[in-house]
Amino acid sequence: MTALVTGGSRGIGEAIVRALHSAGHSVFFTYATRRERAERLAGELGERVACEQCDLAEAQALPELVDECVRRFGSLDVLVNNAAIFEENRFDVDGYARWRAGWERTFAINLFGAANLVWLALRAMRRQAADARGARGRIVNVASRAAHRGELSLADYGASKAALVNLTKSIARGCAKDGIVAFAVAPGFIETEMAQGELERARAAVEAEIPSGRIGAPDDVARIVTFLASGEADYATGTTIDVNGASYVR
């Protein structure tokens, strides 16, 4: 079993890479800029792991990425769309160009990059024989609590993640006939570098929203992604699992 994980060099992505590898998957993961860190992780895990630099906004680079994954490990059984960006982009931001640039870059990576990889992965998955559970492939999209509650200063990020949740539902319904299932995971605040700035500014307020008083760890997300990748939850295809400590319950 081979998993392709985007944004796997740090934070939630790194935890997912480690968890999938521990569960027996071969893992091919991408990184954006942190080459040394990515290569150190791949070297630490050893066999059945490889990494490659990739800007998901560069659509023309993605076919080769998927092909390289299949060449290295012989299949593509699980796609985890984890890579994402967010930057504050308030409704009262100064400058129309800045507002547009935020939306365009956020969607280019968080949604269009994920959607393009889904299309490419589906082509590889359809060529594979079904496994013992009747599945040819599994797709897990890492969304966010922001997809559901609306964000005050990150509207573009929340909208991109809401679209990712809807994409997940469409994959589940449209590709079931091909033996392909799809899930979304929607974390709340997780202790990562990506969230560090916001947590430094407002940790007490964030913790006050969480009934347990604990901000999530990357492993809280990685364990659920690994479970979904295992095939044990295939009949729940199309669903979104919230991982936010009940800070936002739908």
C-alpha atoms as a PDB file:
ATOM      1  CA  MET A   1       0.000   0.000   0.000  1.00  0.00           C
ATOM      2  CA  THR A   2       1.362   3.381  -1.027  1.00  0.00           C
ATOM      3  CA  ALA A   3       0.262   6.785   0.261  1.00  0.00           C
ATOM      4  CA  LEU A   4       0.978  10.164  -1.326  1.00  0.00           C
ATOM      5  CA  VAL A   5       0.894  12.902   1.308  1.00  0.00           C
ATOM      6  CA  THR A   6       1.189  16.590   0.439  1.00  0.00           C
ATOM      7  CA  GLY A   7       2.859  18.970   2.861  1.00  0.00           C
ATOM      8  CA  GLY A   8       4.503  16.136   4.756  1.00  0.00           C
ATOM      9  CA  SER A   9       7.621  17.778   6.153  1.00  0.00           C
ATOM     10  CA  ARG A  10       6.149  19.381   9.266  1.00  0.00           C
ATOM     11  CA  GLY A  11       3.160  19.688  11.568  1.00  0.00           C
ATOM     12  CA  ILE A  12       0.105  17.597  10.796  1.00  0.00           C
ATOM     13  CA  GLY A  13       1.657  16.371   7.548  1.00  0.00           C
ATOM     14  CA  GLU A  14       4.745  15.042   9.274  1.00  0.00           C
ATOM     15  CA  ALA A  15       2.608  13.255  11.852  1.00  0.00           C
ATOM     16  CA  ILE A  16       0.553  11.694   9.040  1.00  0.00           C
ATOM     17  CA  VAL A  17       3.694  10.517   7.246  1.00  0.00           C
ATOM     18  CA  ARG A  18       4.987   8.918  10.433  1.00  0.00           C
ATOM     19  CA  ALA A  19       1.670   7.280  11.295  1.00  0.00           C
ATOM     20  CA  LEU A  20       1.068   5.850   7.822  1.00  0.00           C
ATOM     21  CA  HIS A  21       4.608   4.538   7.641  1.00  0.00           C
ATOM     22  CA  SER A  22       4.231   2.931  11.065  1.00  0.00           C
ATOM     23  CA  ALA A  23       1.010   1.291   9.857  1.00  0.00           C
ATOM     24  CA  GLY A  24       2.924  -0.359   7.003  1.00  0.00           C
ATOM     25  CA  HIS A  25       2.373   2.034   4.102  1.00  0.00           C
ATOM     26  CA  SER A  26       5.062   3.146   1.708  1.00  0.00           C
ATOM     27  CA  VAL A  27       4.898   6.943   1.839  1.00  0.00           C
ATOM     28  CA  PHE A  28       5.763   9.468  -0.856  1.00  0.00           C
ATOM     29  CA  PHE A  29       5.409  12.993   0.496  1.00  0.00           C
ATOM     30  CA  THR A  30       5.845  16.508  -0.792  1.00  0.00           C
ATOM     31  CA  TYR A  31       7.314  19.630   0.735  1.00  0.00           C
ATOM     32  CA  ALA A  32       7.246  23.232  -0.441  1.00  0.00           C
ATOM     33  CA  THR A  33      10.527  24.794   0.716  1.00  0.00           C
ATOM     34  CA  ARG A  34      11.993  22.885   3.662  1.00  0.00           C
ATOM     35  CA  ARG A  35      14.191  20.464   1.788  1.00  0.00           C
ATOM     36  CA  GLU A  36      16.605  19.722   4.622  1.00  0.00           C
ATOM     37  CA  ARG A  37      13.798  18.964   7.034  1.00  0.00           C
ATOM     38  CA  ALA A  38      11.963  16.768   4.525  1.00  0.00           C
ATOM     39  CA  GLU A  39      15.073  14.786   3.646  1.00  0.00           C
ATOM     40  CA  ARG A  40      15.903  14.351   7.324  1.00  0.00           C
ATOM     41  CA  LEU A  41      12.453  12.890   7.953  1.00  0.00           C
ATOM     42  CA  ALA A  42      12.729  10.553   4.961  1.00  0.00           C
ATOM     43  CA  GLY A  43      16.184   9.442   6.086  1.00  0.00           C
ATOM     44  CA  GLU A  44      14.991   8.845   9.631  1.00  0.00           C
ATOM     45  CA  LEU A  45      12.114   6.631   8.528  1.00  0.00           C
ATOM     46  CA  GLY A  46      14.326   4.794   6.049  1.00  0.00           C
ATOM     47  CA  GLU A  47      12.844   2.246   3.691  1.00  0.00           C
ATOM     48  CA  ARG A  48       9.457   2.817   2.056  1.00  0.00           C
ATOM     49  CA  VAL A  49       9.718   6.622   2.237  1.00  0.00           C
ATOM     50  CA  ALA A  50      10.591   9.228  -0.385  1.00  0.00           C
ATOM     51  CA  CYS A  51      10.016  12.958  -0.713  1.00  0.00           C
ATOM     52  CA  GLU A  52       9.930  15.547  -3.474  1.00  0.00           C
ATOM     53  CA  GLN A  53       9.673  19.325  -3.610  1.00  0.00           C
ATOM     54  CA  CYS A  54       6.451  20.567  -5.161  1.00  0.00           C
ATOM     55  CA  ASP A  55       4.492  23.807  -5.390  1.00  0.00           C
ATOM     56  CA  LEU A  56       0.907  22.594  -5.663  1.00  0.00           C
ATOM     57  CA  ALA A  57      -0.068  25.807  -7.414  1.00  0.00           C
ATOM     58  CA  GLU A  58       2.070  24.705 -10.382  1.00  0.00           C
ATOM     59  CA  ALA A  59      -0.463  22.474 -12.097  1.00  0.00           C
ATOM     60  CA  GLN A  60       1.929  21.353 -14.841  1.00  0.00           C
ATOM     61  CA  ALA A  61       4.240  19.746 -12.256  1.00  0.00           C
ATOM     62  CA  LEU A  62       1.614  17.488 -10.724  1.00  0.00           C
ATOM     63  CA  PRO A  63       1.354  14.721 -13.356  1.00  0.00           C
ATOM     64  CA  GLU A  64       5.052  13.925 -12.949  1.00  0.00           C
ATOM     65  CA  LEU A  65       4.616  13.886  -9.172  1.00  0.00           C
ATOM     66  CA  VAL A  66       1.956  11.198  -9.342  1.00  0.00           C
ATOM     67  CA  ASP A  67       3.890   9.237 -11.959  1.00  0.00           C
ATOM     68  CA  GLU A  68       7.015   9.322  -9.788  1.00  0.00           C
ATOM     69  CA  CYS A  69       5.086   7.998  -6.802  1.00  0.00           C
ATOM     70  CA  VAL A  70       3.834   5.048  -8.840  1.00  0.00           C
ATOM     71  CA  ARG A  71       7.263   4.421 -10.361  1.00  0.00           C
ATOM     72  CA  ARG A  72       8.933   4.301  -6.961  1.00  0.00           C
ATOM     73  CA  PHE A  73       6.438   2.160  -5.092  1.00  0.00           C
ATOM     74  CA  GLY A  74       4.326   0.448  -7.725  1.00  0.00           C
ATOM     75  CA  SER A  75       0.918   1.880  -6.821  1.00  0.00           C
ATOM     76  CA  LEU A  76      -1.000   4.821  -5.420  1.00  0.00           C
ATOM     77  CA  ASP A  77      -3.516   3.531  -2.913  1.00  0.00           C
ATOM     78  CA  VAL A  78      -4.067   6.546  -0.656  1.00  0.00           C
ATOM     79  CA  LEU A  79      -3.940  10.262  -1.441  1.00  0.00           C
ATOM     80  CA  VAL A  80      -3.821  12.634   1.533  1.00  0.00           C
ATOM     81  CA  ASN A  81      -4.332  16.263   0.511  1.00  0.00           C
ATOM     82  CA  ASN A  82      -2.835  17.961   3.545  1.00  0.00           C
ATOM     83  CA  ALA A  83      -0.792  20.900   2.221  1.00  0.00           C
ATOM     84  CA  ALA A  84      -2.361  24.310   2.781  1.00  0.00           C
ATOM     85  CA  ILE A  85      -1.575  27.941   3.439  1.00  0.00           C
ATOM     86  CA  PHE A  86      -3.330  30.690   5.308  1.00  0.00           C
ATOM     87  CA  GLU A  87      -2.608  34.345   5.824  1.00  0.00           C
ATOM     88  CA  GLU A  88      -4.749  37.011   7.431  1.00  0.00           C
ATOM     89  CA  ASN A  89      -6.914  38.646   4.774  1.00  0.00           C
ATOM     90  CA  ARG A  90      -9.530  40.794   6.467  1.00  0.00           C
ATOM     91  CA  PHE A  91     -12.590  42.255   4.808  1.00  0.00           C
ATOM     92  CA  ASP A  92     -11.164  45.709   5.541  1.00  0.00           C
ATOM     93  CA  VAL A  93      -7.685  44.938   4.196  1.00  0.00           C
ATOM     94  CA  ASP A  94      -6.027  47.863   2.445  1.00  0.00           C
ATOM     95  CA  GLY A  95      -5.789  47.379  -1.297  1.00  0.00           C
ATOM     96  CA  TYR A  96      -7.961  45.515  -3.774  1.00  0.00           C
ATOM     97  CA  ALA A  97      -4.897  43.858  -5.322  1.00  0.00           C
ATOM     98  CA  ARG A  98      -3.818  42.474  -1.940  1.00  0.00           C
ATOM     99  CA  TRP A  99      -7.325  41.116  -1.294  1.00  0.00           C
ATOM    100  CA  ARG A 100      -7.415  39.366  -4.680  1.00  0.00           C
ATOM    101  CA  ALA A 101      -3.884  37.998  -4.333  1.00  0.00           C
ATOM    102  CA  GLY A 102      -4.778  36.388  -1.016  1.00  0.00           C
ATOM    103  CA  TRP A 103      -7.789  34.609  -2.445  1.00  0.00           C
ATOM    104  CA  GLU A 104      -5.999  33.515  -5.603  1.00  0.00           C
ATOM    105  CA  ARG A 105      -2.946  32.041  -3.871  1.00  0.00           C
ATOM    106  CA  THR A 106      -4.991  30.378  -1.128  1.00  0.00           C
ATOM    107  CA  PHE A 107      -7.327  28.696  -3.591  1.00  0.00           C
ATOM    108  CA  ALA A 108      -4.464  27.776  -5.931  1.00  0.00           C
ATOM    109  CA  ILE A 109      -2.906  25.602  -3.222  1.00  0.00           C
ATOM    110  CA  ASN A 110      -5.688  24.660  -0.831  1.00  0.00           C
ATOM    111  CA  LEU A 111      -8.303  23.774  -3.432  1.00  0.00           C
ATOM    112  CA  PHE A 112      -7.052  23.709  -7.011  1.00  0.00           C
ATOM    113  CA  GLY A 113      -3.847  21.867  -6.122  1.00  0.00           C
ATOM    114  CA  ALA A 114      -5.865  19.282  -4.209  1.00  0.00           C
ATOM    115  CA  ALA A 115      -8.473  18.946  -6.961  1.00  0.00           C
ATOM    116  CA  ASN A 116      -5.818  18.495  -9.640  1.00  0.00           C
ATOM    117  CA  LEU A 117      -4.079  15.800  -7.606  1.00  0.00           C
ATOM    118  CA  VAL A 118      -7.411  14.050  -7.093  1.00  0.00           C
ATOM    119  CA  TRP A 119      -7.997  13.892 -10.842  1.00  0.00           C
ATOM    120  CA  LEU A 120      -4.504  12.542 -11.474  1.00  0.00           C
ATOM    121  CA  ALA A 121      -4.668  10.055  -8.591  1.00  0.00           C
ATOM    122  CA  LEU A 122      -8.007   8.725  -9.814  1.00  0.00           C
ATOM    123  CA  ARG A 123      -6.392   7.767 -13.123  1.00  0.00           C
ATOM    124  CA  ALA A 124      -3.748   5.736 -11.299  1.00  0.00           C
ATOM    125  CA  MET A 125      -6.219   4.198  -8.861  1.00  0.00           C
ATOM    126  CA  ARG A 126      -8.629   3.048 -11.555  1.00  0.00           C
ATOM    127  CA  ARG A 127      -5.841   1.022 -13.165  1.00  0.00           C
ATOM    128  CA  GLN A 128      -5.250  -0.940  -9.970  1.00  0.00           C
ATOM    129  CA  ALA A 129      -6.904  -4.155  -8.872  1.00  0.00           C
ATOM    130  CA  ALA A 130      -9.330  -3.800  -5.991  1.00  0.00           C
ATOM    131  CA  ASP A 131      -8.094  -4.821  -2.569  1.00  0.00           C
ATOM    132  CA  ALA A 132      -9.753  -7.316  -0.236  1.00  0.00           C
ATOM    133  CA  ARG A 133     -12.346  -4.687   0.738  1.00  0.00           C
ATOM    134  CA  GLY A 134     -13.222  -3.936  -2.875  1.00  0.00           C
ATOM    135  CA  ALA A 135     -11.484  -0.554  -2.959  1.00  0.00           C
ATOM    136  CA  ARG A 136      -9.038   0.658  -5.584  1.00  0.00           C
ATOM    137  CA  GLY A 137      -8.127   3.815  -3.736  1.00  0.00           C
ATOM    138  CA  ARG A 138      -8.822   6.078  -0.786  1.00  0.00           C
ATOM    139  CA  ILE A 139      -8.646   9.867  -0.679  1.00  0.00           C
ATOM    140  CA  VAL A 140      -8.422  11.846   2.556  1.00  0.00           C
ATOM    141  CA  ASN A 141      -8.697  15.629   2.373  1.00  0.00           C
ATOM    142  CA  VAL A 142      -7.509  17.621   5.376  1.00  0.00           C
ATOM    143  CA  ALA A 143     -10.015  20.457   5.682  1.00  0.00           C
ATOM    144  CA  SER A 144     -10.555  22.633   8.755  1.00  0.00           C
ATOM    145  CA  ARG A 145     -13.060  23.755  11.354  1.00  0.00           C
ATOM    146  CA  ALA A 146     -12.945  26.994   9.372  1.00  0.00           C
ATOM    147  CA  ALA A 147     -14.868  25.254   6.584  1.00  0.00           C
ATOM    148  CA  HIS A 148     -17.995  25.213   8.715  1.00  0.00           C
ATOM    149  CA  ARG A 149     -18.080  28.153  11.090  1.00  0.00           C
ATOM    150  CA  GLY A 150     -16.949  31.140   8.995  1.00  0.00           C
ATOM    151  CA  GLU A 151     -13.780  33.092   9.699  1.00  0.00           C
ATOM    152  CA  LEU A 152     -13.418  36.766  10.573  1.00  0.00           C
ATOM    153  CA  SER A 153      -9.938  37.362   9.176  1.00  0.00           C
ATOM    154  CA  LEU A 154      -9.348  34.258   7.027  1.00  0.00           C
ATOM    155  CA  ALA A 155     -12.388  34.165   4.767  1.00  0.00           C
ATOM    156  CA  ASP A 156     -10.375  32.904   1.804  1.00  0.00           C
ATOM    157  CA  TYR A 157      -8.916  30.069   3.869  1.00  0.00           C
ATOM    158  CA  GLY A 158     -12.311  29.053   5.257  1.00  0.00           C
ATOM    159  CA  ALA A 159     -13.913  29.186   1.820  1.00  0.00           C
ATOM    160  CA  SER A 160     -11.143  27.046   0.305  1.00  0.00           C
ATOM    161  CA  LYS A 161     -11.630  24.428   3.016  1.00  0.00           C
ATOM    162  CA  ALA A 162     -15.413  24.476   2.624  1.00  0.00           C
ATOM    163  CA  ALA A 163     -14.918  23.778  -1.070  1.00  0.00           C
ATOM    164  CA  LEU A 164     -12.561  20.922  -0.173  1.00  0.00           C
ATOM    165  CA  VAL A 165     -15.276  19.363   1.985  1.00  0.00           C
ATOM    166  CA  ASN A 166     -17.711  19.605  -0.905  1.00  0.00           C
ATOM    167  CA  LEU A 167     -15.138  18.128  -3.276  1.00  0.00           C
ATOM    168  CA  THR A 168     -14.858  15.170  -0.895  1.00  0.00           C
ATOM    169  CA  LYS A 169     -18.595  14.537  -1.122  1.00  0.00           C
ATOM    170  CA  SER A 170     -18.465  14.717  -4.909  1.00  0.00           C
ATOM    171  CA  ILE A 171     -15.601  12.210  -5.076  1.00  0.00           C
ATOM    172  CA  ALA A 172     -17.479   9.823  -2.792  1.00  0.00           C
ATOM    173  CA  ARG A 173     -20.635   9.943  -4.870  1.00  0.00           C
ATOM    174  CA  GLY A 174     -19.043  10.160  -8.292  1.00  0.00           C
ATOM    175  CA  CYS A 175     -16.264   7.592  -7.879  1.00  0.00           C
ATOM    176  CA  ALA A 176     -17.913   4.859  -5.795  1.00  0.00           C
ATOM    177  CA  LYS A 177     -18.516   2.953  -9.008  1.00  0.00           C
ATOM    178  CA  ASP A 178     -14.735   2.862  -9.493  1.00  0.00           C
ATOM    179  CA  GLY A 179     -14.093   1.438  -6.046  1.00  0.00           C
ATOM    180  CA  ILE A 180     -12.732   4.744  -4.713  1.00  0.00           C
ATOM    181  CA  VAL A 181     -13.774   6.249  -1.395  1.00  0.00           C
ATOM    182  CA  ALA A 182     -13.154   9.695   0.045  1.00  0.00           C
ATOM    183  CA  PHE A 183     -13.190  11.384   3.435  1.00  0.00           C
ATOM    184  CA  ALA A 184     -12.458  14.781   4.915  1.00  0.00           C
ATOM    185  CA  VAL A 185     -10.911  15.532   8.289  1.00  0.00           C
ATOM    186  CA  ALA A 186     -11.563  18.965   9.788  1.00  0.00           C
ATOM    187  CA  PRO A 187      -9.126  19.920  12.554  1.00  0.00           C
ATOM    188  CA  GLY A 188      -9.573  22.860  14.866  1.00  0.00           C
ATOM    189  CA  PHE A 189      -6.526  24.523  16.395  1.00  0.00           C
ATOM    190  CA  ILE A 190      -3.551  22.138  16.412  1.00  0.00           C
ATOM    191  CA  GLU A 191      -0.128  22.809  17.921  1.00  0.00           C
ATOM    192  CA  THR A 192       1.842  23.385  14.714  1.00  0.00           C
ATOM    193  CA  GLU A 193       4.197  25.975  13.249  1.00  0.00           C
ATOM    194  CA  MET A 194       1.383  27.053  10.943  1.00  0.00           C
ATOM    195  CA  ALA A 195      -0.794  27.991  13.915  1.00  0.00           C
ATOM    196  CA  GLN A 196       2.027  29.303  16.092  1.00  0.00           C
ATOM    197  CA  GLY A 197       1.501  32.980  15.366  1.00  0.00           C
ATOM    198  CA  GLU A 198      -2.185  32.911  16.203  1.00  0.00           C
ATOM    199  CA  LEU A 199      -1.596  30.834  19.315  1.00  0.00           C
ATOM    200  CA  GLU A 200       1.039  33.274  20.526  1.00  0.00           C
ATOM    201  CA  ARG A 201      -1.454  36.107  20.180  1.00  0.00           C
ATOM    202  CA  ALA A 202      -4.535  34.408  21.560  1.00  0.00           C
ATOM    203  CA  ARG A 203      -3.729  31.098  23.254  1.00  0.00           C
ATOM    204  CA  ALA A 204      -5.919  31.785  26.286  1.00  0.00           C
ATOM    205  CA  ALA A 205      -8.923  32.611  24.098  1.00  0.00           C
ATOM    206  CA  VAL A 206      -8.384  29.530  21.935  1.00  0.00           C
ATOM    207  CA  GLU A 207      -8.110  27.245  24.954  1.00  0.00           C
ATOM    208  CA  ALA A 208     -11.249  28.785  26.446  1.00  0.00           C
ATOM    209  CA  GLU A 209     -13.219  27.611  23.379  1.00  0.00           C
ATOM    210  CA  ILE A 210     -12.207  23.976  23.933  1.00  0.00           C
ATOM    211  CA  PRO A 211     -14.155  22.113  26.628  1.00  0.00           C
ATOM    212  CA  SER A 212     -11.157  19.959  27.572  1.00  0.00           C
ATOM    213  CA  GLY A 213      -8.918  23.016  27.715  1.00  0.00           C
ATOM    214  CA  ARG A 214      -6.356  21.276  25.498  1.00  0.00           C
ATOM    215  CA  ILE A 215      -5.228  22.387  22.061  1.00  0.00           C
ATOM    216  CA  GLY A 216      -4.918  19.428  19.726  1.00  0.00           C
ATOM    217  CA  ALA A 217      -1.689  17.703  18.749  1.00  0.00           C
ATOM    218  CA  PRO A 218      -0.729  16.640  15.216  1.00  0.00           C
ATOM    219  CA  ASP A 219      -1.068  13.003  16.243  1.00  0.00           C
ATOM    220  CA  ASP A 220      -4.752  13.593  17.049  1.00  0.00           C
ATOM    221  CA  VAL A 221      -5.293  14.183  13.341  1.00  0.00           C
ATOM    222  CA  ALA A 222      -2.766  11.642  12.061  1.00  0.00           C
ATOM    223  CA  ARG A 223      -4.389   8.737  13.897  1.00  0.00           C
ATOM    224  CA  ILE A 224      -7.745   9.451  12.277  1.00  0.00           C
ATOM    225  CA  VAL A 225      -6.215   9.820   8.808  1.00  0.00           C
ATOM    226  CA  THR A 226      -4.444   6.483   9.287  1.00  0.00           C
ATOM    227  CA  PHE A 227      -7.703   4.828  10.323  1.00  0.00           C
ATOM    228  CA  LEU A 228      -9.479   6.175   7.229  1.00  0.00           C
ATOM    229  CA  ALA A 229      -6.611   4.976   5.044  1.00  0.00           C
ATOM    230  CA  SER A 230      -6.862   1.481   6.521  1.00  0.00           C
ATOM    231  CA  GLY A 231     -10.148   0.583   4.849  1.00  0.00           C
ATOM    232  CA  GLU A 232     -11.945   0.060   8.142  1.00  0.00           C
ATOM    233  CA  ALA A 233     -14.225   3.033   7.495  1.00  0.00           C
ATOM    234  CA  ASP A 234     -14.942   2.637   3.768  1.00  0.00           C
ATOM    235  CA  TYR A 235     -18.728   2.555   4.146  1.00  0.00           C
ATOM    236  CA  ALA A 236     -18.553   6.023   5.734  1.00  0.00           C
ATOM    237  CA  THR A 237     -17.288   7.439   2.441  1.00  0.00           C
ATOM    238  CA  GLY A 238     -18.203  11.079   1.888  1.00  0.00           C
ATOM    239  CA  THR A 239     -18.179  12.026   5.553  1.00  0.00           C
ATOM    240  CA  THR A 240     -16.186  14.681   7.381  1.00  0.00           C
ATOM    241  CA  ILE A 241     -14.701  13.946  10.794  1.00  0.00           C
ATOM    242  CA  ASP A 242     -14.283  16.948  13.089  1.00  0.00           C
ATOM    243  CA  VAL A 243     -11.113  16.953  15.197  1.00  0.00           C
ATOM    244  CA  ASN A 244     -11.489  20.018  17.379  1.00  0.00           C
ATOM    245  CA  GLY A 245     -12.077  18.875  20.959  1.00  0.00           C
ATOM    246  CA  ALA A 246     -15.768  19.866  20.688  1.00  0.00           C
ATOM    247  CA  SER A 247     -14.812  23.518  20.232  1.00  0.00           C
ATOM    248  CA  TYR A 248     -17.232  23.603  17.302  1.00  0.00           C
ATOM    249  CA  VAL A 249     -19.928  20.938  17.180  1.00  0.00           C
ATOM    250  CA  ARG A 250     -22.166  20.608  14.131  1.00  0.00           C
END
